[in-house]
PDB file of N, CA and C in Angstrom:
ATOM      1  N   MET A   1      -3.134 -36.188 -24.872  1.00  0.00           N
ATOM      2  CA  MET A   1      -2.061 -35.919 -23.944  1.00  0.00           C
ATOM      3  C   MET A   1      -1.560 -34.481 -24.082  1.00  0.00           C
ATOM      4  N   GLY A   2      -1.628 -33.920 -25.269  1.00  0.00           N
ATOM      5  CA  GLY A   2      -1.180 -32.556 -25.489  1.00  0.00           C
ATOM      6  C   GLY A   2      -2.084 -31.539 -24.819  1.00  0.00           C
ATOM      7  N   THR A   3      -3.399 -31.842 -24.751  1.00  0.00           N
ATOM      8  CA  THR A   3      -4.309 -30.893 -24.114  1.00  0.00           C
ATOM      9  C   THR A   3      -4.095 -30.848 -22.603  1.00  0.00           C
ATOM     10  N   ARG A   4      -3.697 -31.965 -22.020  1.00  0.00           N
ATOM     11  CA  ARG A   4      -3.414 -31.960 -20.580  1.00  0.00           C
ATOM     12  C   ARG A   4      -2.215 -31.079 -20.269  1.00  0.00           C
ATOM     13  N   ARG A   5      -1.194 -31.167 -21.099  1.00  0.00           N
ATOM     14  CA  ARG A   5      -0.009 -30.339 -20.893  1.00  0.00           C
ATOM     15  C   ARG A   5      -0.336 -28.869 -21.109  1.00  0.00           C
ATOM     16  N   GLY A   6      -1.152 -28.600 -22.112  1.00  0.00           N
ATOM     17  CA  GLY A   6      -1.555 -27.221 -22.372  1.00  0.00           C
ATOM     18  C   GLY A   6      -2.377 -26.654 -21.224  1.00  0.00           C
ATOM     19  N   GLN A   7      -3.289 -27.472 -20.714  1.00  0.00           N
ATOM     20  CA  GLN A   7      -4.104 -27.025 -19.595  1.00  0.00           C
ATOM     21  C   GLN A   7      -3.247 -26.814 -18.353  1.00  0.00           C
ATOM     22  N   ALA A   8      -2.307 -27.709 -18.102  1.00  0.00           N
ATOM     23  CA  ALA A   8      -1.414 -27.563 -16.952  1.00  0.00           C
ATOM     24  C   ALA A   8      -0.553 -26.304 -17.093  1.00  0.00           C
ATOM     25  N   LEU A   9      -0.099 -26.030 -18.297  1.00  0.00           N
ATOM     26  CA  LEU A   9       0.704 -24.832 -18.536  1.00  0.00           C
ATOM     27  C   LEU A   9      -0.114 -23.569 -18.305  1.00  0.00           C
ATOM     28  N   MET A  10      -1.368 -23.574 -18.754  1.00  0.00           N
ATOM     29  CA  MET A  10      -2.238 -22.412 -18.530  1.00  0.00           C
ATOM     30  C   MET A  10      -2.526 -22.218 -17.041  1.00  0.00           C
ATOM     31  N   GLU A  11      -2.773 -23.308 -16.309  1.00  0.00           N
ATOM     32  CA  GLU A  11      -3.018 -23.207 -14.872  1.00  0.00           C
ATOM     33  C   GLU A  11      -1.779 -22.693 -14.146  1.00  0.00           C
ATOM     34  N   LEU A  12      -0.608 -23.134 -14.575  1.00  0.00           N
ATOM     35  CA  LEU A  12       0.635 -22.656 -13.982  1.00  0.00           C
ATOM     36  C   LEU A  12       0.823 -21.168 -14.256  1.00  0.00           C
ATOM     37  N   THR A  13       0.528 -20.745 -15.475  1.00  0.00           N
ATOM     38  CA  THR A  13       0.655 -19.337 -15.844  1.00  0.00           C
ATOM     39  C   THR A  13      -0.291 -18.463 -15.018  1.00  0.00           C
ATOM     40  N   VAL A  14      -1.529 -18.880 -14.893  1.00  0.00           N
ATOM     41  CA  VAL A  14      -2.509 -18.118 -14.114  1.00  0.00           C
ATOM     42  C   VAL A  14      -2.115 -18.094 -12.638  1.00  0.00           C
ATOM     43  N   GLY A  15      -1.627 -19.211 -12.129  1.00  0.00           N
ATOM     44  CA  GLY A  15      -1.193 -19.274 -10.740  1.00  0.00           C
ATOM     45  C   GLY A  15      -0.007 -18.362 -10.466  1.00  0.00           C
ATOM     46  N   LEU A  16       0.960 -18.337 -11.383  1.00  0.00           N
ATOM     47  CA  LEU A  16       2.114 -17.451 -11.214  1.00  0.00           C
ATOM     48  C   LEU A  16       1.711 -15.987 -11.309  1.00  0.00           C
ATOM     49  N   PHE A  17       0.790 -15.677 -12.208  1.00  0.00           N
ATOM     50  CA  PHE A  17       0.293 -14.306 -12.312  1.00  0.00           C
ATOM     51  C   PHE A  17      -0.376 -13.882 -11.007  1.00  0.00           C
ATOM     52  N   ALA A  18      -1.196 -14.754 -10.443  1.00  0.00           N
ATOM     53  CA  ALA A  18      -1.863 -14.440  -9.174  1.00  0.00           C
ATOM     54  C   ALA A  18      -0.845 -14.278  -8.050  1.00  0.00           C
ATOM     55  N   LEU A  19       0.186 -15.108  -8.041  1.00  0.00           N
ATOM     56  CA  LEU A  19       1.224 -15.007  -7.023  1.00  0.00           C
ATOM     57  C   LEU A  19       1.967 -13.676  -7.121  1.00  0.00           C
ATOM     58  N   VAL A  20       2.320 -13.277  -8.337  1.00  0.00           N
ATOM     59  CA  VAL A  20       3.005 -12.000  -8.534  1.00  0.00           C
ATOM     60  C   VAL A  20       2.088 -10.838  -8.158  1.00  0.00           C
ATOM     61  N   LEU A  21       0.821 -10.937  -8.468  1.00  0.00           N
ATOM     62  CA  LEU A  21      -0.147  -9.901  -8.130  1.00  0.00           C
ATOM     63  C   LEU A  21      -0.250  -9.723  -6.616  1.00  0.00           C
ATOM     64  N   VAL A  22      -0.349 -10.816  -5.889  1.00  0.00           N
ATOM     65  CA  VAL A  22      -0.449 -10.755  -4.430  1.00  0.00           C
ATOM     66  C   VAL A  22       0.848 -10.217  -3.823  1.00  0.00           C
ATOM     67  N   ALA A  23       1.994 -10.688  -4.310  1.00  0.00           N
ATOM     68  CA  ALA A  23       3.280 -10.220  -3.786  1.00  0.00           C
ATOM     69  C   ALA A  23       3.464  -8.722  -4.040  1.00  0.00           C
ATOM     70  N   SER A  24       3.085  -8.261  -5.215  1.00  0.00           N
ATOM     71  CA  SER A  24       3.199  -6.844  -5.536  1.00  0.00           C
ATOM     72  C   SER A  24       2.296  -6.000  -4.636  1.00  0.00           C
ATOM     73  N   ALA A  25       1.082  -6.458  -4.413  1.00  0.00           N
ATOM     74  CA  ALA A  25       0.162  -5.727  -3.529  1.00  0.00           C
ATOM     75  C   ALA A  25       0.693  -5.690  -2.105  1.00  0.00           C
ATOM     76  N   LEU A  26       1.224  -6.795  -1.620  1.00  0.00           N
ATOM     77  CA  LEU A  26       1.770  -6.827  -0.263  1.00  0.00           C
ATOM     78  C   LEU A  26       2.951  -5.884  -0.107  1.00  0.00           C
ATOM     79  N   CYS A  27       3.820  -5.837  -1.098  1.00  0.00           N
ATOM     80  CA  CYS A  27       4.964  -4.921  -1.037  1.00  0.00           C
ATOM     81  C   CYS A  27       4.491  -3.469  -1.057  1.00  0.00           C
ATOM     82  N   GLY A  28       3.526  -3.158  -1.888  1.00  0.00           N
ATOM     83  CA  GLY A  28       2.993  -1.795  -1.948  1.00  0.00           C
ATOM     84  C   GLY A  28       2.362  -1.374  -0.630  1.00  0.00           C
ATOM     85  N   PHE A  29       1.566  -2.258  -0.029  1.00  0.00           N
ATOM     86  CA  PHE A  29       0.947  -1.941   1.247  1.00  0.00           C
ATOM     87  C   PHE A  29       1.974  -1.858   2.366  1.00  0.00           C
ATOM     88  N   ALA A  30       3.019  -2.684   2.315  1.00  0.00           N
ATOM     89  CA  ALA A  30       4.065  -2.622   3.340  1.00  0.00           C
ATOM     90  C   ALA A  30       4.776  -1.272   3.312  1.00  0.00           C
ATOM     91  N   VAL A  31       5.085  -0.774   2.125  1.00  0.00           N
ATOM     92  CA  VAL A  31       5.723   0.546   2.013  1.00  0.00           C
ATOM     93  C   VAL A  31       4.767   1.626   2.504  1.00  0.00           C
ATOM     94  N   TYR A  32       3.502   1.518   2.137  1.00  0.00           N
ATOM     95  CA  TYR A  32       2.492   2.485   2.576  1.00  0.00           C
ATOM     96  C   TYR A  32       2.390   2.509   4.102  1.00  0.00           C
ATOM     97  N   ILE A  33       2.332   1.346   4.723  1.00  0.00           N
ATOM     98  CA  ILE A  33       2.213   1.256   6.175  1.00  0.00           C
ATOM     99  C   ILE A  33       3.459   1.796   6.855  1.00  0.00           C
ATOM    100  N   ALA A  34       4.636   1.466   6.326  1.00  0.00           N
ATOM    101  CA  ALA A  34       5.882   1.949   6.927  1.00  0.00           C
ATOM    102  C   ALA A  34       5.961   3.480   6.887  1.00  0.00           C
ATOM    103  N   LYS A  35       5.620   4.074   5.747  1.00  0.00           N
ATOM    104  CA  LYS A  35       5.639   5.535   5.653  1.00  0.00           C
ATOM    105  C   LYS A  35       4.581   6.162   6.551  1.00  0.00           C
ATOM    106  N   SER A  36       3.424   5.538   6.645  1.00  0.00           N
ATOM    107  CA  SER A  36       2.368   6.058   7.496  1.00  0.00           C
ATOM    108  C   SER A  36       2.795   6.042   8.963  1.00  0.00           C
ATOM    109  N   LEU A  37       3.424   4.954   9.405  1.00  0.00           N
ATOM    110  CA  LEU A  37       3.898   4.882  10.780  1.00  0.00           C
ATOM    111  C   LEU A  37       4.999   5.900  11.050  1.00  0.00           C
ATOM    112  N   ARG A  38       5.888   6.096  10.092  1.00  0.00           N
ATOM    113  CA  ARG A  38       6.944   7.090  10.235  1.00  0.00           C
ATOM    114  C   ARG A  38       6.345   8.492  10.344  1.00  0.00           C
ATOM    115  N   MET A  39       5.310   8.771   9.553  1.00  0.00           N
ATOM    116  CA  MET A  39       4.655  10.073   9.617  1.00  0.00           C
ATOM    117  C   MET A  39       3.940  10.258  10.945  1.00  0.00           C
ATOM    118  N   GLN A  40       3.277   9.217  11.450  1.00  0.00           N
ATOM    119  CA  GLN A  40       2.603   9.324  12.738  1.00  0.00           C
ATOM    120  C   GLN A  40       3.609   9.606  13.844  1.00  0.00           C
ATOM    121  N   ASN A  41       4.762   8.982  13.769  1.00  0.00           N
ATOM    122  CA  ASN A  41       5.805   9.211  14.762  1.00  0.00           C
ATOM    123  C   ASN A  41       6.279  10.660  14.718  1.00  0.00           C
ATOM    124  N   SER A  42       6.479  11.201  13.528  1.00  0.00           N
ATOM    125  CA  SER A  42       6.930  12.587  13.429  1.00  0.00           C
ATOM    126  C   SER A  42       5.836  13.564  13.848  1.00  0.00           C
ATOM    127  N   LEU A  43       4.572  13.186  13.679  1.00  0.00           N
ATOM    128  CA  LEU A  43       3.477  14.056  14.112  1.00  0.00           C
ATOM    129  C   LEU A  43       3.412  14.149  15.633  1.00  0.00           C
ATOM    130  N   ARG A  44       3.789  13.097  16.306  1.00  0.00           N
ATOM    131  CA  ARG A  44       3.786  13.125  17.771  1.00  0.00           C
ATOM    132  C   ARG A  44       4.788  14.128  18.302  1.00  0.00           C
ATOM    133  N   VAL A  45       5.827  14.410  17.517  1.00  0.00           N
ATOM    134  CA  VAL A  45       6.869  15.335  17.956  1.00  0.00           C
ATOM    135  C   VAL A  45       6.371  16.768  17.939  1.00  0.00           C
ATOM    136  N   GLY A  46       5.539  17.145  16.972  1.00  0.00           N
ATOM    137  CA  GLY A  46       5.108  18.533  17.010  1.00  0.00           C
ATOM    138  C   GLY A  46       4.222  19.005  15.886  1.00  0.00           C
ATOM    139  N   ALA A  47       4.272  18.430  14.715  1.00  0.00           N
ATOM    140  CA  ALA A  47       3.460  18.914  13.597  1.00  0.00           C
ATOM    141  C   ALA A  47       2.006  18.511  13.799  1.00  0.00           C
ATOM    142  N   SER A  48       1.098  19.206  13.128  1.00  0.00           N
ATOM    143  CA  SER A  48      -0.320  18.872  13.264  1.00  0.00           C
ATOM    144  C   SER A  48      -0.835  18.051  12.080  1.00  0.00           C
ATOM    145  N   SER A  49      -0.205  18.195  10.913  1.00  0.00           N
ATOM    146  CA  SER A  49      -0.602  17.382   9.761  1.00  0.00           C
ATOM    147  C   SER A  49       0.593  17.223   8.831  1.00  0.00           C
ATOM    148  N   GLN A  50       0.556  16.157   8.050  1.00  0.00           N
ATOM    149  CA  GLN A  50       1.657  15.875   7.145  1.00  0.00           C
ATOM    150  C   GLN A  50       1.129  15.039   5.986  1.00  0.00           C
ATOM    151  N   HIS A  51       1.704  15.257   4.795  1.00  0.00           N
ATOM    152  CA  HIS A  51       1.300  14.521   3.601  1.00  0.00           C
ATOM    153  C   HIS A  51       2.542  13.955   2.928  1.00  0.00           C
ATOM    154  N   ASP A  52       2.390  12.816   2.299  1.00  0.00           N
ATOM    155  CA  ASP A  52       3.488  12.189   1.574  1.00  0.00           C
ATOM    156  C   ASP A  52       2.882  11.298   0.504  1.00  0.00           C
ATOM    157  N   GLU A  53       3.721  10.862  -0.430  1.00  0.00           N
ATOM    158  CA  GLU A  53       3.255   9.965  -1.482  1.00  0.00           C
ATOM    159  C   GLU A  53       4.187   8.767  -1.568  1.00  0.00           C
ATOM    160  N   VAL A  54       3.622   7.616  -1.906  1.00  0.00           N
ATOM    161  CA  VAL A  54       4.378   6.382  -2.074  1.00  0.00           C
ATOM    162  C   VAL A  54       4.271   5.978  -3.528  1.00  0.00           C
ATOM    163  N   GLU A  55       5.415   5.790  -4.182  1.00  0.00           N
ATOM    164  CA  GLU A  55       5.401   5.294  -5.558  1.00  0.00           C
ATOM    165  C   GLU A  55       5.342   3.774  -5.533  1.00  0.00           C
ATOM    166  N   VAL A  56       4.511   3.208  -6.384  1.00  0.00           N
ATOM    167  CA  VAL A  56       4.389   1.753  -6.465  1.00  0.00           C
ATOM    168  C   VAL A  56       4.940   1.278  -7.806  1.00  0.00           C
ATOM    169  N   SER A  57       5.205  -0.007  -7.892  1.00  0.00           N
ATOM    170  CA  SER A  57       5.757  -0.564  -9.130  1.00  0.00           C
ATOM    171  C   SER A  57       4.737  -0.459 -10.255  1.00  0.00           C
ATOM    172  N   ASP A  58       5.209  -0.569 -11.484  1.00  0.00           N
ATOM    173  CA  ASP A  58       4.317  -0.483 -12.645  1.00  0.00           C
ATOM    174  C   ASP A  58       3.257  -1.574 -12.621  1.00  0.00           C
ATOM    175  N   PHE A  59       3.667  -2.781 -12.215  1.00  0.00           N
ATOM    176  CA  PHE A  59       2.734  -3.905 -12.163  1.00  0.00           C
ATOM    177  C   PHE A  59       1.621  -3.629 -11.159  1.00  0.00           C
ATOM    178  N   ALA A  60       1.996  -3.159  -9.952  1.00  0.00           N
ATOM    179  CA  ALA A  60       0.989  -2.859  -8.923  1.00  0.00           C
ATOM    180  C   ALA A  60       0.125  -1.682  -9.343  1.00  0.00           C
ATOM    181  N   ALA A  61       0.725  -0.709 -10.003  1.00  0.00           N
ATOM    182  CA  ALA A  61      -0.049   0.445 -10.450  1.00  0.00           C
ATOM    183  C   ALA A  61      -1.096   0.042 -11.477  1.00  0.00           C
ATOM    184  N   LYS A  62      -0.738  -0.884 -12.356  1.00  0.00           N
ATOM    185  CA  LYS A  62      -1.658  -1.278 -13.427  1.00  0.00           C
ATOM    186  C   LYS A  62      -2.743  -2.236 -12.933  1.00  0.00           C
ATOM    187  N   TYR A  63      -2.373  -3.228 -12.116  1.00  0.00           N
ATOM    188  CA  TYR A  63      -3.312  -4.294 -11.789  1.00  0.00           C
ATOM    189  C   TYR A  63      -3.923  -4.209 -10.393  1.00  0.00           C
ATOM    190  N   VAL A  64      -3.303  -3.478  -9.460  1.00  0.00           N
ATOM    191  CA  VAL A  64      -3.809  -3.473  -8.084  1.00  0.00           C
ATOM    192  C   VAL A  64      -4.418  -2.133  -7.702  1.00  0.00           C
ATOM    193  N   PHE A  65      -3.620  -1.061  -7.773  1.00  0.00           N
ATOM    194  CA  PHE A  65      -4.054   0.226  -7.238  1.00  0.00           C
ATOM    195  C   PHE A  65      -4.696   1.130  -8.277  1.00  0.00           C
ATOM    196  N   GLY A  66      -4.333   1.005  -9.531  1.00  0.00           N
ATOM    197  CA  GLY A  66      -4.896   1.856 -10.564  1.00  0.00           C
ATOM    198  C   GLY A  66      -4.245   3.216 -10.658  1.00  0.00           C
ATOM    199  N   THR A  67      -3.177   3.443  -9.923  1.00  0.00           N
ATOM    200  CA  THR A  67      -2.461   4.716  -9.952  1.00  0.00           C
ATOM    201  C   THR A  67      -0.991   4.472  -9.645  1.00  0.00           C
ATOM    202  N   ASP A  68      -0.139   5.407 -10.080  1.00  0.00           N
ATOM    203  CA  ASP A  68       1.299   5.245  -9.873  1.00  0.00           C
ATOM    204  C   ASP A  68       1.741   5.595  -8.463  1.00  0.00           C
ATOM    205  N   THR A  69       0.986   6.451  -7.784  1.00  0.00           N
ATOM    206  CA  THR A  69       1.367   6.873  -6.431  1.00  0.00           C
ATOM    207  C   THR A  69       0.174   6.765  -5.490  1.00  0.00           C
ATOM    208  N   LEU A  70       0.457   6.457  -4.245  1.00  0.00           N
ATOM    209  CA  LEU A  70      -0.554   6.436  -3.197  1.00  0.00           C
ATOM    210  C   LEU A  70      -0.296   7.625  -2.290  1.00  0.00           C
ATOM    211  N   ARG A  71      -1.307   8.377  -1.972  1.00  0.00           N
ATOM    212  CA  ARG A  71      -1.154   9.559  -1.116  1.00  0.00           C
ATOM    213  C   ARG A  71      -1.430   9.169   0.332  1.00  0.00           C
ATOM    214  N   ILE A  72      -0.513   9.556   1.209  1.00  0.00           N
ATOM    215  CA  ILE A  72      -0.660   9.312   2.633  1.00  0.00           C
ATOM    216  C   ILE A  72      -0.914  10.657   3.294  1.00  0.00           C
ATOM    217  N   SER A  73      -1.930  10.719   4.106  1.00  0.00           N
ATOM    218  CA  SER A  73      -2.251  11.953   4.816  1.00  0.00           C
ATOM    219  C   SER A  73      -2.536  11.600   6.267  1.00  0.00           C
ATOM    220  N   GLU A  74      -1.808  12.218   7.165  1.00  0.00           N
ATOM    221  CA  GLU A  74      -1.994  11.974   8.598  1.00  0.00           C
ATOM    222  C   GLU A  74      -2.261  13.297   9.293  1.00  0.00           C
ATOM    223  N   GLU A  75      -3.204  13.314  10.193  1.00  0.00           N
ATOM    224  CA  GLU A  75      -3.521  14.506  10.967  1.00  0.00           C
ATOM    225  C   GLU A  75      -3.678  14.125  12.430  1.00  0.00           C
ATOM    226  N   VAL A  76      -3.284  15.035  13.285  1.00  0.00           N
ATOM    227  CA  VAL A  76      -3.463  14.849  14.717  1.00  0.00           C
ATOM    228  C   VAL A  76      -4.484  15.876  15.178  1.00  0.00           C
ATOM    229  N   LYS A  77      -5.556  15.414  15.755  1.00  0.00           N
ATOM    230  CA  LYS A  77      -6.586  16.317  16.269  1.00  0.00           C
ATOM    231  C   LYS A  77      -6.570  16.212  17.786  1.00  0.00           C
ATOM    232  N   MET A  78      -6.076  17.262  18.399  1.00  0.00           N
ATOM    233  CA  MET A  78      -5.993  17.296  19.848  1.00  0.00           C
ATOM    234  C   MET A  78      -7.351  17.659  20.417  1.00  0.00           C
ATOM    235  N   PRO A  79      -7.753  17.024  21.494  1.00  0.00           N
ATOM    236  CA  PRO A  79      -9.048  17.396  22.101  1.00  0.00           C
ATOM    237  C   PRO A  79      -8.967  18.784  22.718  1.00  0.00           C
ATOM    238  N   GLN A  80     -10.093  19.440  22.753  1.00  0.00           N
ATOM    239  CA  GLN A  80     -10.152  20.788  23.310  1.00  0.00           C
ATOM    240  C   GLN A  80      -9.980  20.698  24.830  1.00  0.00           C
ATOM    241  N   THR A  81      -9.113  21.538  25.344  1.00  0.00           N
ATOM    242  CA  THR A  81      -8.884  21.537  26.789  1.00  0.00           C
ATOM    243  C   THR A  81      -9.634  22.701  27.428  1.00  0.00           C
ATOM    244  N   VAL A  82     -10.222  22.436  28.539  1.00  0.00           N
ATOM    245  CA  VAL A  82     -10.961  23.459  29.281  1.00  0.00           C
ATOM    246  C   VAL A  82     -10.347  23.540  30.670  1.00  0.00           C
ATOM    247  N   ILE A  83      -9.955  24.723  31.059  1.00  0.00           N
ATOM    248  CA  ILE A  83      -9.369  24.916  32.373  1.00  0.00           C
ATOM    249  C   ILE A  83     -10.478  25.313  33.348  1.00  0.00           C
ATOM    250  N   LEU A  84     -10.669  24.516  34.357  1.00  0.00           N
ATOM    251  CA  LEU A  84     -11.696  24.792  35.355  1.00  0.00           C
ATOM    252  C   LEU A  84     -11.064  25.540  36.528  1.00  0.00           C
ATOM    253  N   ARG A  85     -11.791  26.520  37.052  1.00  0.00           N
ATOM    254  CA  ARG A  85     -11.284  27.280  38.197  1.00  0.00           C
ATOM    255  C   ARG A  85     -11.990  26.887  39.439  1.00  0.00           C
TER     256      ARG A  85
END
């Protein structure tokens, strides 16, 4: 009976770790997407390129991304215009 409880406790621990891992990754990507959209919006106003960094939590940095910051880089490439006479 003790091994069943031990096994259940280990499964619960692994499940909670996986849940925290997924939640941390989702939060990190949500911040990344929000900053990226904000940068795209500001690029439409007039700039041609912009860079920013997103800091992630220690847990996400260690287990998901492998780095403390994610670099966001957005560029707008306008098509070449040709004036026909």
